[in-house]
Amino acid sequence: MDISMITQRLGNQIRAMRINRGYKQADLAALAGITRQKLIEIEKGSLSVAMNAYARVIAALGSEVKLVPVTMPTLEELEDLFDE
C-alpha cells in the first residue's frame, strides 16, 4: 500500500472524529498544542508533518492508533491517487 494513502486515511479519520466531536479546527489545534495550519495539513494526510504532531492530535481527541490489515482501496481513493 502506498504510504500517502495511509496518511490520507488517517487524516480523513482525524477530520471525521473532529467533526463528530463538534470541534472546529482552531479548537482541536489549541487542545493539541499545534497551529491550525498544521492541523489542516494533518487532515490532508501530509507526509511532511512529524509523527509527533499526528500523535498530539490523536491524543487530544482522546483516541489511539490501532493497526488493522490492509483492505482494497475504494474507487474514490483510487480516483484521488490519479488526481494528484
PDB file of N, CA and C in Angstrom:
ATOM      1  N   MET A   1       0.840  -1.174   0.000  1.00  0.00           N
ATOM      2  CA  MET A   1       0.000   0.000   0.000  1.00  0.00           C
ATOM      3  C   MET A   1       0.890   1.245   0.000  1.00  0.00           C
ATOM      4  N   ASP A   2       0.501   2.206  -0.760  1.00  0.00           N
ATOM      5  CA  ASP A   2       1.216   3.471  -0.879  1.00  0.00           C
ATOM      6  C   ASP A   2       1.133   4.233   0.453  1.00  0.00           C
ATOM      7  N   ILE A   3       2.279   4.742   0.919  1.00  0.00           N
ATOM      8  CA  ILE A   3       2.278   5.423   2.218  1.00  0.00           C
ATOM      9  C   ILE A   3       1.419   6.680   2.224  1.00  0.00           C
ATOM     10  N   SER A   4       1.289   7.340   1.092  1.00  0.00           N
ATOM     11  CA  SER A   4       0.445   8.537   1.068  1.00  0.00           C
ATOM     12  C   SER A   4      -1.022   8.169   1.284  1.00  0.00           C
ATOM     13  N   MET A   5      -1.413   6.980   0.860  1.00  0.00           N
ATOM     14  CA  MET A   5      -2.791   6.543   1.086  1.00  0.00           C
ATOM     15  C   MET A   5      -3.020   6.290   2.581  1.00  0.00           C
ATOM     16  N   ILE A   6      -2.006   5.789   3.264  1.00  0.00           N
ATOM     17  CA  ILE A   6      -2.132   5.544   4.704  1.00  0.00           C
ATOM     18  C   ILE A   6      -2.341   6.860   5.438  1.00  0.00           C
ATOM     19  N   THR A   7      -1.533   7.857   5.127  1.00  0.00           N
ATOM     20  CA  THR A   7      -1.683   9.138   5.824  1.00  0.00           C
ATOM     21  C   THR A   7      -2.975   9.841   5.421  1.00  0.00           C
ATOM     22  N   GLN A   8      -3.417   9.653   4.176  1.00  0.00           N
ATOM     23  CA  GLN A   8      -4.698  10.232   3.762  1.00  0.00           C
ATOM     24  C   GLN A   8      -5.839   9.626   4.565  1.00  0.00           C
ATOM     25  N   ARG A   9      -5.810   8.318   4.734  1.00  0.00           N
ATOM     26  CA  ARG A   9      -6.855   7.650   5.520  1.00  0.00           C
ATOM     27  C   ARG A   9      -6.823   8.127   6.970  1.00  0.00           C
ATOM     28  N   LEU A  10      -5.632   8.241   7.526  1.00  0.00           N
ATOM     29  CA  LEU A  10      -5.504   8.715   8.898  1.00  0.00           C
ATOM     30  C   LEU A  10      -6.040  10.139   9.018  1.00  0.00           C
ATOM     31  N   GLY A  11      -5.666  10.988   8.079  1.00  0.00           N
ATOM     32  CA  GLY A  11      -6.160  12.367   8.076  1.00  0.00           C
ATOM     33  C   GLY A  11      -7.673  12.437   7.966  1.00  0.00           C
ATOM     34  N   ASN A  12      -8.253  11.594   7.119  1.00  0.00           N
ATOM     35  CA  ASN A  12      -9.710  11.550   6.970  1.00  0.00           C
ATOM     36  C   ASN A  12     -10.379  11.106   8.269  1.00  0.00           C
ATOM     37  N   GLN A  13      -9.780  10.131   8.941  1.00  0.00           N
ATOM     38  CA  GLN A  13     -10.349   9.656  10.203  1.00  0.00           C
ATOM     39  C   GLN A  13     -10.252  10.729  11.281  1.00  0.00           C
ATOM     40  N   ILE A  14      -9.147  11.432  11.314  1.00  0.00           N
ATOM     41  CA  ILE A  14      -8.977  12.518  12.287  1.00  0.00           C
ATOM     42  C   ILE A  14     -10.013  13.607  12.032  1.00  0.00           C
ATOM     43  N   ARG A  15     -10.177  13.987  10.771  1.00  0.00           N
ATOM     44  CA  ARG A  15     -11.149  15.028  10.421  1.00  0.00           C
ATOM     45  C   ARG A  15     -12.558  14.598  10.812  1.00  0.00           C
ATOM     46  N   ALA A  16     -12.930  13.359  10.478  1.00  0.00           N
ATOM     47  CA  ALA A  16     -14.269  12.861  10.799  1.00  0.00           C
ATOM     48  C   ALA A  16     -14.504  12.854  12.308  1.00  0.00           C
ATOM     49  N   MET A  17     -13.495  12.448  13.062  1.00  0.00           N
ATOM     50  CA  MET A  17     -13.637  12.411  14.521  1.00  0.00           C
ATOM     51  C   MET A  17     -13.743  13.832  15.081  1.00  0.00           C
ATOM     52  N   ARG A  18     -12.964  14.763  14.520  1.00  0.00           N
ATOM     53  CA  ARG A  18     -13.046  16.160  14.973  1.00  0.00           C
ATOM     54  C   ARG A  18     -14.447  16.701  14.752  1.00  0.00           C
ATOM     55  N   ILE A  19     -14.988  16.488  13.579  1.00  0.00           N
ATOM     56  CA  ILE A  19     -16.325  16.985  13.252  1.00  0.00           C
ATOM     57  C   ILE A  19     -17.372  16.305  14.135  1.00  0.00           C
ATOM     58  N   ASN A  20     -17.233  14.993  14.305  1.00  0.00           N
ATOM     59  CA  ASN A  20     -18.168  14.233  15.133  1.00  0.00           C
ATOM     60  C   ASN A  20     -18.185  14.736  16.579  1.00  0.00           C
ATOM     61  N   ARG A  21     -17.048  15.177  17.046  1.00  0.00           N
ATOM     62  CA  ARG A  21     -16.956  15.670  18.427  1.00  0.00           C
ATOM     63  C   ARG A  21     -17.304  17.156  18.544  1.00  0.00           C
ATOM     64  N   GLY A  22     -17.595  17.789  17.414  1.00  0.00           N
ATOM     65  CA  GLY A  22     -18.038  19.179  17.428  1.00  0.00           C
ATOM     66  C   GLY A  22     -16.929  20.203  17.558  1.00  0.00           C
ATOM     67  N   TYR A  23     -15.684  19.808  17.271  1.00  0.00           N
ATOM     68  CA  TYR A  23     -14.564  20.742  17.351  1.00  0.00           C
ATOM     69  C   TYR A  23     -14.364  21.480  16.029  1.00  0.00           C
ATOM     70  N   LYS A  24     -14.066  22.757  16.123  1.00  0.00           N
ATOM     71  CA  LYS A  24     -13.570  23.499  14.966  1.00  0.00           C
ATOM     72  C   LYS A  24     -12.089  23.205  14.878  1.00  0.00           C
ATOM     73  N   GLN A  25     -11.497  23.455  13.715  1.00  0.00           N
ATOM     74  CA  GLN A  25     -10.067  23.200  13.554  1.00  0.00           C
ATOM     75  C   GLN A  25      -9.245  23.961  14.582  1.00  0.00           C
ATOM     76  N   ALA A  26      -9.590  25.205  14.818  1.00  0.00           N
ATOM     77  CA  ALA A  26      -8.840  26.021  15.778  1.00  0.00           C
ATOM     78  C   ALA A  26      -8.936  25.448  17.193  1.00  0.00           C
ATOM     79  N   ASP A  27     -10.111  24.914  17.545  1.00  0.00           N
ATOM     80  CA  ASP A  27     -10.296  24.331  18.877  1.00  0.00           C
ATOM     81  C   ASP A  27      -9.396  23.118  19.075  1.00  0.00           C
ATOM     82  N   LEU A  28      -9.423  22.199  18.113  1.00  0.00           N
ATOM     83  CA  LEU A  28      -8.624  20.981  18.235  1.00  0.00           C
ATOM     84  C   LEU A  28      -7.137  21.299  18.182  1.00  0.00           C
ATOM     85  N   ALA A  29      -6.756  22.226  17.330  1.00  0.00           N
ATOM     86  CA  ALA A  29      -5.351  22.617  17.244  1.00  0.00           C
ATOM     87  C   ALA A  29      -4.863  23.153  18.593  1.00  0.00           C
ATOM     88  N   ALA A  30      -5.676  23.983  19.236  1.00  0.00           N
ATOM     89  CA  ALA A  30      -5.301  24.526  20.547  1.00  0.00           C
ATOM     90  C   ALA A  30      -5.181  23.415  21.590  1.00  0.00           C
ATOM     91  N   LEU A  31      -6.113  22.478  21.587  1.00  0.00           N
ATOM     92  CA  LEU A  31      -6.052  21.352  22.522  1.00  0.00           C
ATOM     93  C   LEU A  31      -4.791  20.509  22.310  1.00  0.00           C
ATOM     94  N   ALA A  32      -4.409  20.362  21.051  1.00  0.00           N
ATOM     95  CA  ALA A  32      -3.244  19.539  20.716  1.00  0.00           C
ATOM     96  C   ALA A  32      -1.932  20.299  20.844  1.00  0.00           C
ATOM     97  N   GLY A  33      -2.004  21.615  20.971  1.00  0.00           N
ATOM     98  CA  GLY A  33      -0.791  22.423  21.079  1.00  0.00           C
ATOM     99  C   GLY A  33      -0.048  22.581  19.764  1.00  0.00           C
ATOM    100  N   ILE A  34      -0.825  22.624  18.671  1.00  0.00           N
ATOM    101  CA  ILE A  34      -0.243  22.835  17.344  1.00  0.00           C
ATOM    102  C   ILE A  34      -0.989  23.986  16.673  1.00  0.00           C
ATOM    103  N   THR A  35      -0.493  24.432  15.531  1.00  0.00           N
ATOM    104  CA  THR A  35      -1.173  25.505  14.810  1.00  0.00           C
ATOM    105  C   THR A  35      -2.339  24.937  14.000  1.00  0.00           C
ATOM    106  N   ARG A  36      -3.281  25.801  13.685  1.00  0.00           N
ATOM    107  CA  ARG A  36      -4.404  25.393  12.842  1.00  0.00           C
ATOM    108  C   ARG A  36      -3.907  24.940  11.478  1.00  0.00           C
ATOM    109  N   GLN A  37      -2.899  25.627  10.955  1.00  0.00           N
ATOM    110  CA  GLN A  37      -2.339  25.245   9.650  1.00  0.00           C
ATOM    111  C   GLN A  37      -1.766  23.823   9.697  1.00  0.00           C
ATOM    112  N   LYS A  38      -1.116  23.472  10.792  1.00  0.00           N
ATOM    113  CA  LYS A  38      -0.567  22.124  10.950  1.00  0.00           C
ATOM    114  C   LYS A  38      -1.701  21.096  10.963  1.00  0.00           C
ATOM    115  N   LEU A  39      -2.810  21.429  11.649  1.00  0.00           N
ATOM    116  CA  LEU A  39      -3.955  20.523  11.679  1.00  0.00           C
ATOM    117  C   LEU A  39      -4.548  20.352  10.282  1.00  0.00           C
ATOM    118  N   ILE A  40      -4.599  21.422   9.526  1.00  0.00           N
ATOM    119  CA  ILE A  40      -5.091  21.332   8.145  1.00  0.00           C
ATOM    120  C   ILE A  40      -4.234  20.348   7.353  1.00  0.00           C
ATOM    121  N   GLU A  41      -2.922  20.449   7.506  1.00  0.00           N
ATOM    122  CA  GLU A  41      -2.008  19.537   6.812  1.00  0.00           C
ATOM    123  C   GLU A  41      -2.218  18.091   7.274  1.00  0.00           C
ATOM    124  N   ILE A  42      -2.437  17.896   8.557  1.00  0.00           N
ATOM    125  CA  ILE A  42      -2.690  16.557   9.093  1.00  0.00           C
ATOM    126  C   ILE A  42      -3.968  15.986   8.488  1.00  0.00           C
ATOM    127  N   GLU A  43      -5.018  16.786   8.446  1.00  0.00           N
ATOM    128  CA  GLU A  43      -6.285  16.312   7.894  1.00  0.00           C
ATOM    129  C   GLU A  43      -6.175  16.018   6.400  1.00  0.00           C
ATOM    130  N   LYS A  44      -5.220  16.617   5.718  1.00  0.00           N
ATOM    131  CA  LYS A  44      -4.958  16.309   4.309  1.00  0.00           C
ATOM    132  C   LYS A  44      -4.098  15.057   4.160  1.00  0.00           C
ATOM    133  N   GLY A  45      -3.519  14.614   5.281  1.00  0.00           N
ATOM    134  CA  GLY A  45      -2.657  13.436   5.229  1.00  0.00           C
ATOM    135  C   GLY A  45      -1.252  13.745   4.762  1.00  0.00           C
ATOM    136  N   SER A  46      -0.778  14.926   5.065  1.00  0.00           N
ATOM    137  CA  SER A  46       0.543  15.356   4.620  1.00  0.00           C
ATOM    138  C   SER A  46       1.651  14.462   5.172  1.00  0.00           C
ATOM    139  N   LEU A  47       2.561  14.092   4.288  1.00  0.00           N
ATOM    140  CA  LEU A  47       3.717  13.288   4.688  1.00  0.00           C
ATOM    141  C   LEU A  47       4.806  14.140   5.333  1.00  0.00           C
ATOM    142  N   SER A  48       4.708  15.456   5.195  1.00  0.00           N
ATOM    143  CA  SER A  48       5.759  16.328   5.721  1.00  0.00           C
ATOM    144  C   SER A  48       5.547  16.699   7.191  1.00  0.00           C
ATOM    145  N   VAL A  49       4.414  16.314   7.767  1.00  0.00           N
ATOM    146  CA  VAL A  49       4.130  16.617   9.168  1.00  0.00           C
ATOM    147  C   VAL A  49       4.727  15.516  10.039  1.00  0.00           C
ATOM    148  N   ALA A  50       5.394  15.923  11.112  1.00  0.00           N
ATOM    149  CA  ALA A  50       6.038  14.963  12.009  1.00  0.00           C
ATOM    150  C   ALA A  50       5.007  14.079  12.703  1.00  0.00           C
ATOM    151  N   MET A  51       5.406  12.864  12.962  1.00  0.00           N
ATOM    152  CA  MET A  51       4.535  11.908  13.656  1.00  0.00           C
ATOM    153  C   MET A  51       4.104  12.458  15.016  1.00  0.00           C
ATOM    154  N   ASN A  52       4.965  13.241  15.647  1.00  0.00           N
ATOM    155  CA  ASN A  52       4.648  13.854  16.932  1.00  0.00           C
ATOM    156  C   ASN A  52       3.380  14.701  16.836  1.00  0.00           C
ATOM    157  N   ALA A  53       3.227  15.444  15.751  1.00  0.00           N
ATOM    158  CA  ALA A  53       2.041  16.290  15.586  1.00  0.00           C
ATOM    159  C   ALA A  53       0.791  15.429  15.408  1.00  0.00           C
ATOM    160  N   TYR A  54       0.903  14.367  14.603  1.00  0.00           N
ATOM    161  CA  TYR A  54      -0.232  13.441  14.454  1.00  0.00           C
ATOM    162  C   TYR A  54      -0.613  12.875  15.825  1.00  0.00           C
ATOM    163  N   ALA A  55       0.393  12.450  16.609  1.00  0.00           N
ATOM    164  CA  ALA A  55       0.153  11.850  17.920  1.00  0.00           C
ATOM    165  C   ALA A  55      -0.519  12.843  18.866  1.00  0.00           C
ATOM    166  N   ARG A  56      -0.121  14.096  18.815  1.00  0.00           N
ATOM    167  CA  ARG A  56      -0.717  15.116  19.689  1.00  0.00           C
ATOM    168  C   ARG A  56      -2.201  15.297  19.380  1.00  0.00           C
ATOM    169  N   VAL A  57      -2.531  15.295  18.091  1.00  0.00           N
ATOM    170  CA  VAL A  57      -3.937  15.459  17.688  1.00  0.00           C
ATOM    171  C   VAL A  57      -4.752  14.236  18.106  1.00  0.00           C
ATOM    172  N   ILE A  58      -4.200  13.061  17.867  1.00  0.00           N
ATOM    173  CA  ILE A  58      -4.896  11.826  18.243  1.00  0.00           C
ATOM    174  C   ILE A  58      -5.133  11.794  19.747  1.00  0.00           C
ATOM    175  N   ALA A  59      -4.135  12.185  20.528  1.00  0.00           N
ATOM    176  CA  ALA A  59      -4.284  12.228  21.982  1.00  0.00           C
ATOM    177  C   ALA A  59      -5.315  13.277  22.397  1.00  0.00           C
ATOM    178  N   ALA A  60      -5.324  14.432  21.740  1.00  0.00           N
ATOM    179  CA  ALA A  60      -6.290  15.485  22.064  1.00  0.00           C
ATOM    180  C   ALA A  60      -7.722  15.026  21.791  1.00  0.00           C
ATOM    181  N   LEU A  61      -7.869  14.105  20.842  1.00  0.00           N
ATOM    182  CA  LEU A  61      -9.187  13.540  20.550  1.00  0.00           C
ATOM    183  C   LEU A  61      -9.541  12.399  21.507  1.00  0.00           C
ATOM    184  N   GLY A  62      -8.626  12.088  22.422  1.00  0.00           N
ATOM    185  CA  GLY A  62      -8.866  11.007  23.363  1.00  0.00           C
ATOM    186  C   GLY A  62      -8.890   9.654  22.683  1.00  0.00           C
ATOM    187  N   SER A  63      -8.038   9.500  21.677  1.00  0.00           N
ATOM    188  CA  SER A  63      -8.022   8.281  20.866  1.00  0.00           C
ATOM    189  C   SER A  63      -6.641   7.667  20.836  1.00  0.00           C
ATOM    190  N   GLU A  64      -6.539   6.546  20.162  1.00  0.00           N
ATOM    191  CA  GLU A  64      -5.258   5.888  19.943  1.00  0.00           C
ATOM    192  C   GLU A  64      -5.253   5.271  18.556  1.00  0.00           C
ATOM    193  N   VAL A  65      -4.093   4.863  18.112  1.00  0.00           N
ATOM    194  CA  VAL A  65      -3.956   4.254  16.794  1.00  0.00           C
ATOM    195  C   VAL A  65      -4.050   2.743  16.941  1.00  0.00           C
ATOM    196  N   LYS A  66      -4.795   2.125  16.045  1.00  0.00           N
ATOM    197  CA  LYS A  66      -4.911   0.674  16.019  1.00  0.00           C
ATOM    198  C   LYS A  66      -4.588   0.217  14.603  1.00  0.00           C
ATOM    199  N   LEU A  67      -3.655  -0.696  14.487  1.00  0.00           N
ATOM    200  CA  LEU A  67      -3.292  -1.209  13.171  1.00  0.00           C
ATOM    201  C   LEU A  67      -4.253  -2.325  12.774  1.00  0.00           C
ATOM    202  N   VAL A  68      -4.719  -2.254  11.541  1.00  0.00           N
ATOM    203  CA  VAL A  68      -5.619  -3.278  11.009  1.00  0.00           C
ATOM    204  C   VAL A  68      -5.076  -3.735   9.657  1.00  0.00           C
ATOM    205  N   PRO A  69      -5.407  -4.967   9.257  1.00  0.00           N
ATOM    206  CA  PRO A  69      -4.943  -5.437   7.952  1.00  0.00           C
ATOM    207  C   PRO A  69      -5.445  -4.524   6.830  1.00  0.00           C
ATOM    208  N   VAL A  70      -4.668  -4.432   5.798  1.00  0.00           N
ATOM    209  CA  VAL A  70      -4.988  -3.579   4.651  1.00  0.00           C
ATOM    210  C   VAL A  70      -6.211  -4.124   3.917  1.00  0.00           C
ATOM    211  N   THR A  71      -7.064  -3.200   3.521  1.00  0.00           N
ATOM    212  CA  THR A  71      -8.196  -3.553   2.664  1.00  0.00           C
ATOM    213  C   THR A  71      -7.967  -2.923   1.308  1.00  0.00           C
ATOM    214  N   MET A  72      -8.672  -3.412   0.339  1.00  0.00           N
ATOM    215  CA  MET A  72      -8.547  -2.845  -1.001  1.00  0.00           C
ATOM    216  C   MET A  72      -9.057  -1.410  -0.978  1.00  0.00           C
ATOM    217  N   PRO A  73      -8.394  -0.508  -1.698  1.00  0.00           N
ATOM    218  CA  PRO A  73      -8.860   0.883  -1.729  1.00  0.00           C
ATOM    219  C   PRO A  73     -10.209   0.991  -2.428  1.00  0.00           C
ATOM    220  N   THR A  74     -10.973   1.979  -2.028  1.00  0.00           N
ATOM    221  CA  THR A  74     -12.258   2.224  -2.683  1.00  0.00           C
ATOM    222  C   THR A  74     -11.998   2.886  -4.030  1.00  0.00           C
ATOM    223  N   LEU A  75     -13.015   2.903  -4.870  1.00  0.00           N
ATOM    224  CA  LEU A  75     -12.881   3.576  -6.163  1.00  0.00           C
ATOM    225  C   LEU A  75     -12.564   5.056  -5.971  1.00  0.00           C
ATOM    226  N   GLU A  76     -13.155   5.656  -4.953  1.00  0.00           N
ATOM    227  CA  GLU A  76     -12.902   7.073  -4.671  1.00  0.00           C
ATOM    228  C   GLU A  76     -11.432   7.299  -4.306  1.00  0.00           C
ATOM    229  N   GLU A  77     -10.865   6.406  -3.491  1.00  0.00           N
ATOM    230  CA  GLU A  77      -9.458   6.540  -3.109  1.00  0.00           C
ATOM    231  C   GLU A  77      -8.545   6.366  -4.312  1.00  0.00           C
ATOM    232  N   LEU A  78      -8.886   5.440  -5.179  1.00  0.00           N
ATOM    233  CA  LEU A  78      -8.090   5.264  -6.392  1.00  0.00           C
ATOM    234  C   LEU A  78      -8.172   6.492  -7.276  1.00  0.00           C
ATOM    235  N   GLU A  79      -9.368   7.041  -7.383  1.00  0.00           N
ATOM    236  CA  GLU A  79      -9.570   8.263  -8.170  1.00  0.00           C
ATOM    237  C   GLU A  79      -8.687   9.397  -7.643  1.00  0.00           C
ATOM    238  N   ASP A  80      -8.645   9.532  -6.304  1.00  0.00           N
ATOM    239  CA  ASP A  80      -7.846  10.580  -5.673  1.00  0.00           C
ATOM    240  C   ASP A  80      -6.378  10.423  -6.006  1.00  0.00           C
ATOM    241  N   LEU A  81      -5.894   9.196  -6.091  1.00  0.00           N
ATOM    242  CA  LEU A  81      -4.478   8.972  -6.424  1.00  0.00           C
ATOM    243  C   LEU A  81      -4.131   9.483  -7.813  1.00  0.00           C
ATOM    244  N   PHE A  82      -5.071   9.309  -8.743  1.00  0.00           N
ATOM    245  CA  PHE A  82      -4.798   9.729 -10.114  1.00  0.00           C
ATOM    246  C   PHE A  82      -5.010  11.229 -10.320  1.00  0.00           C
ATOM    247  N   ASP A  83      -5.715  11.863  -9.395  1.00  0.00           N
ATOM    248  CA  ASP A  83      -5.930  13.316  -9.473  1.00  0.00           C
ATOM    249  C   ASP A  83      -4.677  14.089  -9.080  1.00  0.00           C
ATOM    250  N   GLU A  84      -3.766  13.443  -8.324  1.00  0.00           N
ATOM    251  CA  GLU A  84      -2.586  14.143  -7.834  1.00  0.00           C
ATOM    252  C   GLU A  84      -1.575  14.348  -8.886  1.00  0.00           C
TER     253      GLU A  84
END
